[in-house]
Protein backbone atom coordinates (compact mmCIF):
# COMPACT_ATOMS: atom_id res chain seq x y z
CA MET A 1 -369.75 -116.87 -192.99
CA THR A 2 -367.13 -116.58 -195.71
CA ARG A 3 -364.92 -114.34 -193.56
CA ALA A 4 -365.16 -116.78 -190.66
CA PHE A 5 -364.22 -119.69 -192.92
CA ILE A 6 -361.25 -117.79 -194.31
CA ALA A 7 -360.14 -116.88 -190.78
CA TRP A 8 -360.43 -120.54 -189.75
CA ILE A 9 -358.33 -121.61 -192.74
CA CYS A 10 -355.67 -119.03 -191.93
CA LEU A 11 -355.59 -120.11 -188.28
CA THR A 12 -355.27 -123.75 -189.31
CA PHE A 13 -352.32 -123.03 -191.60
CA ALA A 14 -350.69 -120.93 -188.90
CA VAL A 15 -350.97 -123.77 -186.40
CA LEU A 16 -349.64 -126.28 -188.92
CA ALA A 17 -346.76 -123.98 -189.80
CA GLN A 18 -345.96 -123.55 -186.14
CA GLN A 19 -346.02 -127.32 -185.58
CA SER A 20 -343.86 -127.84 -188.65
CA GLN A 21 -341.39 -125.28 -187.38
CA ALA A 22 -341.40 -126.90 -183.93
CA GLN A 23 -340.37 -130.21 -185.47
CA THR A 24 -337.23 -128.72 -187.06
CA LEU A 25 -334.78 -129.15 -184.23
CA THR A 26 -331.35 -127.62 -183.80
CA VAL A 27 -328.86 -130.28 -182.85
CA THR A 28 -325.40 -129.20 -181.68
CA THR A 29 -322.45 -131.57 -181.82
CA VAL A 30 -318.66 -131.63 -181.87
CA THR A 31 -316.19 -133.72 -183.84
CA ARG A 32 -315.36 -136.86 -181.87
CA GLN A 33 -314.55 -139.91 -183.95
CA PRO A 34 -316.17 -142.43 -184.06
CA PHE A 35 -319.23 -140.77 -182.52
CA SER A 36 -319.63 -137.62 -184.55
CA TYR A 37 -317.65 -136.32 -187.52
CA VAL A 38 -317.94 -135.31 -191.16
CA GLU A 39 -316.76 -137.62 -193.93
CA ASP A 40 -317.10 -136.75 -197.61
CA GLY A 41 -319.40 -133.91 -196.66
CA ALA A 42 -321.84 -136.14 -194.77
CA GLU A 43 -322.55 -136.33 -191.05
CA THR A 44 -321.47 -139.72 -189.79
CA GLY A 45 -320.55 -141.62 -186.66
CA PHE A 46 -322.32 -143.71 -184.02
CA SER A 47 -324.13 -140.74 -182.47
CA MET A 48 -325.13 -139.35 -185.85
CA ASP A 49 -326.57 -142.71 -186.93
CA LEU A 50 -328.46 -142.99 -183.66
CA LEU A 51 -329.79 -139.44 -184.10
CA ALA A 52 -331.00 -140.31 -187.61
CA ALA A 53 -332.81 -143.38 -186.25
CA LEU A 54 -334.45 -141.30 -183.50
CA ALA A 55 -335.50 -138.63 -186.00
CA GLN A 56 -337.11 -141.25 -188.21
CA SER A 57 -338.92 -142.80 -185.24
CA LEU A 58 -340.15 -139.44 -183.91
CA ASP A 59 -340.78 -137.86 -187.32
CA TRP A 60 -338.27 -135.09 -186.70
CA ASP A 61 -336.63 -132.65 -189.03
CA TYR A 62 -333.34 -131.39 -187.66
CA GLN A 63 -330.33 -129.33 -188.58
CA ILE A 64 -326.81 -129.94 -187.34
CA ASN A 65 -324.76 -127.16 -185.78
CA ARG A 66 -321.20 -128.47 -185.48
CA VAL A 67 -319.12 -126.42 -183.05
CA GLU A 68 -315.37 -126.36 -182.40
CA GLY A 69 -315.20 -127.04 -178.68
CA PHE A 70 -316.90 -129.54 -176.41
CA GLY A 71 -317.71 -126.75 -173.96
CA ASP A 72 -319.36 -124.71 -176.73
CA MET A 73 -321.69 -127.63 -177.39
CA LEU A 74 -322.78 -127.81 -173.75
CA VAL A 75 -323.23 -124.03 -173.53
CA ALA A 76 -325.58 -124.16 -176.53
CA VAL A 77 -327.77 -126.59 -174.60
CA GLN A 78 -327.64 -124.58 -171.39
CA ASP A 79 -328.66 -121.29 -173.01
CA GLY A 80 -331.35 -122.93 -175.13
CA SER A 81 -329.84 -122.07 -178.52
CA ALA A 82 -329.84 -125.81 -179.27
CA ASP A 83 -332.71 -128.22 -178.73
CA LEU A 84 -330.33 -131.03 -177.92
CA ALA A 85 -326.67 -132.06 -178.08
CA ILE A 86 -325.25 -135.42 -179.01
CA ALA A 87 -321.71 -136.79 -179.34
CA ASN A 88 -319.82 -138.49 -176.49
CA ILE A 89 -321.38 -136.55 -173.62
CA SER A 90 -320.77 -138.15 -170.22
CA ILE A 91 -323.68 -138.06 -167.79
CA THR A 92 -322.32 -136.55 -164.58
CA ALA A 93 -323.90 -135.17 -161.43
CA ALA A 94 -322.49 -131.71 -162.11
CA ARG A 95 -323.93 -131.59 -165.61
CA GLU A 96 -327.28 -132.89 -164.40
CA THR A 97 -327.68 -129.66 -162.41
CA GLN A 98 -327.30 -127.60 -165.59
CA MET A 99 -329.18 -129.66 -168.19
CA ASP A 100 -331.33 -132.75 -168.67
CA PHE A 101 -330.15 -136.07 -170.08
CA SER A 102 -331.73 -138.95 -171.89
CA GLN A 103 -331.24 -142.47 -170.65
CA PRO A 104 -327.71 -143.74 -171.43
CA ILE A 105 -326.94 -144.33 -175.09
CA PHE A 106 -323.44 -145.78 -174.64
CA GLU A 107 -321.38 -147.31 -171.83
CA ALA A 108 -317.82 -146.05 -171.81
CA GLY A 109 -315.01 -145.12 -169.42
CA LEU A 110 -311.48 -143.76 -169.36
CA GLN A 111 -308.34 -145.42 -170.67
CA ILE A 112 -304.68 -144.60 -171.27
CA MET A 113 -303.03 -144.25 -174.67
CA VAL A 114 -299.24 -144.30 -174.97
CA PRO A 115 -296.72 -144.21 -177.81
CA SER A 116 -296.18 -147.66 -179.30
CA ASP A 117 -292.45 -147.57 -178.46
CA ALA A 118 -293.35 -147.36 -174.78
CA MET A 119 -295.08 -150.74 -175.06
CA ARG A 120 -291.91 -152.54 -176.03
CA ARG A 121 -290.30 -154.52 -173.23
CA PRO A 122 -286.63 -153.86 -172.58
CA SER A 123 -284.46 -156.36 -174.47
CA LEU A 124 -281.07 -157.87 -173.71
CA LEU A 125 -279.71 -156.33 -176.90
CA GLN A 126 -280.91 -152.90 -175.78
CA ALA A 127 -279.12 -153.37 -172.46
CA LEU A 128 -275.91 -154.56 -174.14
CA LEU A 129 -275.87 -151.57 -176.49
CA SER A 130 -276.12 -148.97 -173.72
CA VAL A 131 -273.31 -146.42 -173.51
CA GLU A 132 -272.76 -147.03 -169.80
CA LEU A 133 -272.19 -150.73 -170.40
CA PHE A 134 -269.66 -149.99 -173.14
CA ILE A 135 -267.79 -147.76 -170.68
CA ALA A 136 -267.81 -150.52 -168.04
CA ILE A 137 -266.48 -153.06 -170.54
CA GLY A 138 -263.79 -150.62 -171.66
CA LEU A 139 -262.67 -150.09 -168.08
CA ALA A 140 -262.52 -153.85 -167.54
CA PHE A 141 -260.30 -154.31 -170.60
CA ALA A 142 -258.10 -151.44 -169.45
CA ILE A 143 -257.68 -153.06 -166.02
CA LEU A 144 -256.79 -156.41 -167.59
CA LEU A 145 -254.30 -154.86 -169.99
CA GLY A 146 -252.79 -152.72 -167.23
CA GLY A 147 -252.57 -155.68 -164.87
CA GLY A 148 -251.00 -157.86 -167.55
CA MET A 149 -248.36 -155.24 -168.38
CA LEU A 150 -247.55 -154.77 -164.70
CA MET A 151 -247.07 -158.53 -164.46
CA TRP A 152 -244.71 -158.28 -167.45
CA VAL A 153 -242.68 -155.63 -165.62
CA PHE A 154 -242.39 -157.81 -162.50
CA GLU A 155 -242.00 -161.21 -164.14
CA ARG A 156 -240.10 -160.69 -167.41
CA ARG A 157 -236.78 -161.77 -165.85
CA SER A 158 -238.25 -164.55 -163.68
CA GLN A 159 -240.99 -166.13 -165.80
CA PRO A 160 -240.09 -167.34 -169.34
CA TYR A 161 -243.64 -166.59 -170.57
CA PHE A 162 -243.09 -162.86 -169.97
CA ASP A 163 -239.57 -162.77 -171.40
CA ARG A 164 -240.54 -160.66 -174.45
CA LYS A 165 -239.85 -157.24 -175.85
CA LEU A 166 -242.33 -154.47 -175.02
CA ASP A 167 -243.87 -154.34 -178.49
CA GLU A 168 -244.41 -158.12 -178.36
CA ALA A 169 -245.50 -158.37 -174.76
CA TRP A 170 -248.77 -156.43 -174.62
CA PHE A 171 -251.11 -159.08 -176.05
CA PRO A 172 -249.57 -162.15 -174.27
CA SER A 173 -249.71 -160.13 -171.03
CA PHE A 174 -253.34 -159.18 -171.62
CA TRP A 175 -254.16 -162.78 -172.57
CA TRP A 176 -252.51 -164.04 -169.38
CA ALA A 177 -254.55 -161.60 -167.24
CA LEU A 178 -257.78 -162.54 -169.04
CA ASN A 179 -257.17 -166.25 -168.47
CA LEU A 180 -256.30 -165.57 -164.85
CA VAL A 181 -259.62 -163.80 -164.32
CA VAL A 182 -261.77 -166.22 -166.33
CA ASN A 183 -260.07 -169.59 -165.78
CA GLY A 184 -257.86 -169.04 -162.76
CA GLY A 185 -254.67 -168.79 -164.85
CA PHE A 186 -252.09 -171.38 -165.90
CA GLU A 187 -250.25 -173.34 -163.24
CA GLU A 188 -247.01 -173.42 -165.26
CA ARG A 189 -247.16 -169.65 -165.65
CA MET A 190 -247.64 -168.91 -161.98
CA PRO A 191 -245.95 -165.65 -160.91
CA ARG A 192 -242.54 -166.18 -159.28
CA THR A 193 -241.72 -162.77 -157.82
CA PRO A 194 -243.34 -161.50 -154.60
CA PHE A 195 -244.84 -158.49 -156.39
CA GLY A 196 -246.08 -160.71 -159.25
CA ARG A 197 -247.78 -163.10 -156.85
CA LEU A 198 -249.41 -160.21 -154.97
CA LEU A 199 -250.63 -158.71 -158.25
CA GLY A 200 -252.01 -162.09 -159.36
CA VAL A 201 -254.05 -162.39 -156.17
CA VAL A 202 -255.36 -158.83 -156.62
CA LEU A 203 -256.41 -159.59 -160.20
CA VAL A 204 -258.23 -162.80 -159.20
CA VAL A 205 -260.10 -161.05 -156.39
CA SER A 206 -260.90 -158.04 -158.56
CA SER A 207 -262.27 -160.38 -161.24
CA LEU A 208 -265.20 -161.10 -158.94
CA PHE A 209 -265.90 -157.40 -158.86
CA ILE A 210 -265.61 -157.05 -162.65
CA VAL A 211 -268.03 -159.92 -163.32
CA SER A 212 -270.52 -158.67 -160.73
CA VAL A 213 -270.46 -155.15 -162.21
CA PHE A 214 -271.04 -156.56 -165.69
CA THR A 215 -274.01 -158.64 -164.51
CA ALA A 216 -275.46 -155.87 -162.37
CA ARG A 217 -275.23 -153.39 -165.22
CA ILE A 218 -277.27 -155.56 -167.56
CA THR A 219 -279.86 -156.19 -164.83
CA SER A 220 -280.13 -152.53 -163.86
CA VAL A 221 -280.56 -151.33 -167.44
CA MET A 222 -283.40 -153.78 -168.04
CA THR A 223 -285.03 -153.10 -164.67
CA VAL A 224 -284.88 -149.31 -164.93
CA ASP A 225 -286.29 -149.41 -168.47
CA ALA A 226 -289.08 -151.69 -167.33
CA ILE A 227 -289.98 -149.39 -164.43
CA SER A 228 -289.54 -145.96 -166.00
CA GLY A 229 -290.15 -146.65 -169.66
CA ASN A 230 -293.65 -148.14 -169.55
CA VAL A 231 -297.05 -146.86 -168.51
CA ASN A 232 -299.32 -149.77 -167.66
CA SER A 233 -301.78 -148.24 -165.19
CA VAL A 234 -302.89 -145.01 -163.55
CA ASN A 235 -300.21 -145.40 -160.88
CA ASP A 236 -297.53 -145.16 -163.59
CA LEU A 237 -298.69 -141.69 -164.66
CA TYR A 238 -297.00 -139.85 -161.79
CA GLY A 239 -294.00 -137.93 -163.08
CA LYS A 240 -294.99 -138.44 -166.72
CA GLN A 241 -296.09 -135.90 -169.31
CA VAL A 242 -299.84 -136.57 -169.34
CA GLY A 243 -302.42 -134.89 -171.55
CA THR A 244 -306.21 -134.71 -171.52
CA ILE A 245 -309.06 -132.36 -172.43
CA SER A 246 -309.64 -129.49 -170.00
CA ASN A 247 -312.84 -129.64 -167.93
CA SER A 248 -313.50 -133.23 -168.99
CA THR A 249 -314.30 -136.15 -166.72
CA ALA A 250 -310.73 -137.33 -167.34
CA ALA A 251 -309.37 -133.99 -166.10
CA SER A 252 -311.51 -134.25 -162.96
CA PHE A 253 -310.23 -137.78 -162.35
CA LEU A 254 -306.58 -136.73 -162.73
CA ASN A 255 -307.11 -133.80 -160.39
CA ARG A 256 -308.58 -136.10 -157.75
CA ARG A 257 -305.58 -138.40 -158.07
CA GLU A 258 -303.22 -135.38 -157.93
CA ILE A 259 -301.63 -136.34 -161.24
CA GLU A 260 -300.19 -133.36 -163.08
CA PHE A 261 -301.35 -133.00 -166.68
CA THR A 262 -301.54 -130.61 -169.60
CA GLY A 263 -305.09 -129.61 -170.50
CA TYR A 264 -306.14 -128.96 -174.09
CA ASP A 265 -309.19 -127.13 -175.40
CA SER A 266 -310.02 -129.79 -177.97
CA LEU A 267 -308.98 -133.20 -179.22
CA GLU A 268 -306.87 -132.23 -182.24
CA PRO A 269 -304.28 -130.07 -180.38
CA MET A 270 -303.85 -132.87 -177.85
CA LEU A 271 -303.31 -135.48 -180.57
CA ASP A 272 -300.89 -133.13 -182.34
CA ALA A 273 -298.85 -132.89 -179.14
CA PHE A 274 -298.94 -136.68 -178.82
CA ARG A 275 -297.70 -137.12 -182.40
CA ALA A 276 -294.93 -134.59 -181.71
CA GLU A 277 -293.80 -136.80 -178.78
CA GLU A 278 -294.55 -134.06 -176.26
CA LEU A 279 -296.71 -136.41 -174.18
CA ASP A 280 -295.91 -139.73 -172.52
CA ALA A 281 -299.58 -140.64 -172.19
CA ILE A 282 -303.11 -139.43 -172.87
CA VAL A 283 -306.00 -140.14 -170.51
CA PHE A 284 -309.41 -139.74 -172.11
CA ASP A 285 -312.57 -141.54 -173.18
CA ALA A 286 -311.73 -145.15 -174.04
CA PRO A 287 -313.74 -145.46 -177.29
CA ILE A 288 -312.33 -142.19 -178.67
CA LEU A 289 -308.72 -143.20 -177.99
CA SER A 290 -309.25 -146.80 -179.12
CA TYR A 291 -310.67 -145.64 -182.44
CA TYR A 292 -307.73 -143.28 -182.96
CA ALA A 293 -305.16 -145.95 -182.00
CA SER A 294 -306.68 -148.45 -184.45
CA HIS A 295 -307.08 -146.01 -187.34
CA GLU A 296 -305.13 -142.78 -187.77
CA GLY A 297 -302.65 -143.54 -184.98
CA ARG A 298 -302.22 -147.27 -185.56
CA ARG A 299 -298.50 -146.93 -186.38
CA PHE A 300 -297.48 -145.02 -183.29
CA ALA A 301 -300.21 -145.27 -180.63
CA SER A 302 -301.24 -148.14 -178.38
CA MET A 303 -303.81 -148.62 -175.65
CA THR A 304 -302.58 -149.82 -172.29
CA GLY A 305 -304.31 -151.01 -169.15
CA GLY A 306 -308.02 -151.60 -168.82
CA VAL A 307 -310.99 -149.24 -168.89
CA PHE A 308 -311.52 -147.46 -165.57
CA LEU A 309 -313.97 -144.94 -164.14
CA ARG A 310 -316.92 -146.38 -166.03
CA GLU A 311 -319.36 -143.75 -167.29
CA ASN A 312 -322.38 -143.45 -169.56
CA TYR A 313 -322.96 -141.16 -172.51
CA GLY A 314 -326.32 -139.52 -173.01
CA ILE A 315 -328.16 -136.97 -175.14
CA ALA A 316 -328.22 -133.53 -173.48
CA PHE A 317 -331.28 -131.22 -173.45
CA PRO A 318 -332.05 -127.82 -171.98
CA THR A 319 -333.50 -128.14 -168.49
CA GLY A 320 -337.19 -128.95 -168.62
CA SER A 321 -337.17 -129.89 -172.30
CA PRO A 322 -340.37 -131.69 -173.38
CA LEU A 323 -338.30 -133.80 -175.79
CA VAL A 324 -336.69 -135.96 -173.10
CA GLU A 325 -339.60 -138.30 -172.52
CA ASP A 326 -340.24 -138.88 -176.22
CA VAL A 327 -336.55 -139.58 -176.82
CA ASN A 328 -336.38 -142.04 -173.94
CA GLN A 329 -339.37 -143.97 -175.24
CA ALA A 330 -337.89 -143.99 -178.75
CA LEU A 331 -334.53 -145.23 -177.42
CA LEU A 332 -336.26 -148.11 -175.66
CA ALA A 333 -338.05 -148.99 -178.89
CA LEU A 334 -334.78 -148.90 -180.85
CA ARG A 335 -333.20 -151.29 -178.36
CA GLU A 336 -336.18 -153.63 -178.47
CA ASP A 337 -336.39 -153.86 -182.26
CA GLY A 338 -332.62 -154.35 -182.68
CA THR A 339 -331.89 -151.03 -184.40
CA TYR A 340 -329.59 -149.90 -181.60
CA ASP A 341 -327.58 -153.13 -181.71
CA GLU A 342 -327.25 -152.84 -185.48
CA ILE A 343 -325.82 -149.33 -185.17
CA TYR A 344 -323.50 -150.44 -182.35
CA ARG A 345 -322.12 -153.37 -184.37
CA LYS A 346 -321.47 -151.09 -187.33
CA TRP A 347 -319.09 -148.93 -185.31
CA PHE A 348 -317.75 -151.13 -182.52
CA GLY A 349 -318.38 -154.74 -183.52
CA ALA A 350 -320.24 -157.28 -181.41
CA ARG A 351 -321.05 -156.23 -177.88
CA ASN A 352 -319.32 -158.14 -175.08
């Protein structure tokens, strides 16, 4: 009797120990602000707060395994070395064949981030300060001065206005040509020699060309800058230096649109390249880029265009995991009692 009782006690403790061990889950994640990151030595972020709420609801104990790459996180779920993965994991058809997902925990999508300078509209001052325009203005002045001095050569013995020495004639001659082009000249200073009259007509006609070139140059500078300098939508990405994360939903989207891009293994190298002005634009998850542009990158990064290719984030599990159903029920309860909305407002403000 005593041996049987002792055996029963030992079996009971063994079962309890096994249950206790089963409740200590391994959770894999990757650094993706504002969903999952470490601050002051503590796990924080939207996904981490949601995980803590789920653990409290389901009476879980868990340990975090933070990996370097997004792919490493998914591999840990696929091979069963992690009980679940949580961060900003998009639910896709391809991933559904390799793992199970909870119901959506966040609605997201893709967006474009560009350097802040690219958001500035071309200005008239910028057009006026272009090198090409300075060259055009210089050529115009040279033509006027040359035309005025030619008029001095032809008219100095026939027109009293041009009867000056060479060192005194250059500015009056230039001034005469400028007035001829702008105002049509002075009637009392009309050329008197055949060559002078022919030159005057040429200068008046050419003035139309000079003014049109000046106007066209300003227009072209502003138009070209507006077309080539800004990225406002996906269609503007062609021919630009675009970056994204390799094997992400953004990379798949860019491949489908046949937009060339540079793929990065993780977020930090891509942002480093962006800060080094090696990229004209980044296409990636909208909440990740928006958080970066409003915090660490607020001085040099801006979001442009709207959110496209809407997608949902979920919690990933090994295929056939018994945890999925419990998590889904707990997520519904968190939405119903307002806990989910409270966590959402903490990280993203009021929901639209």
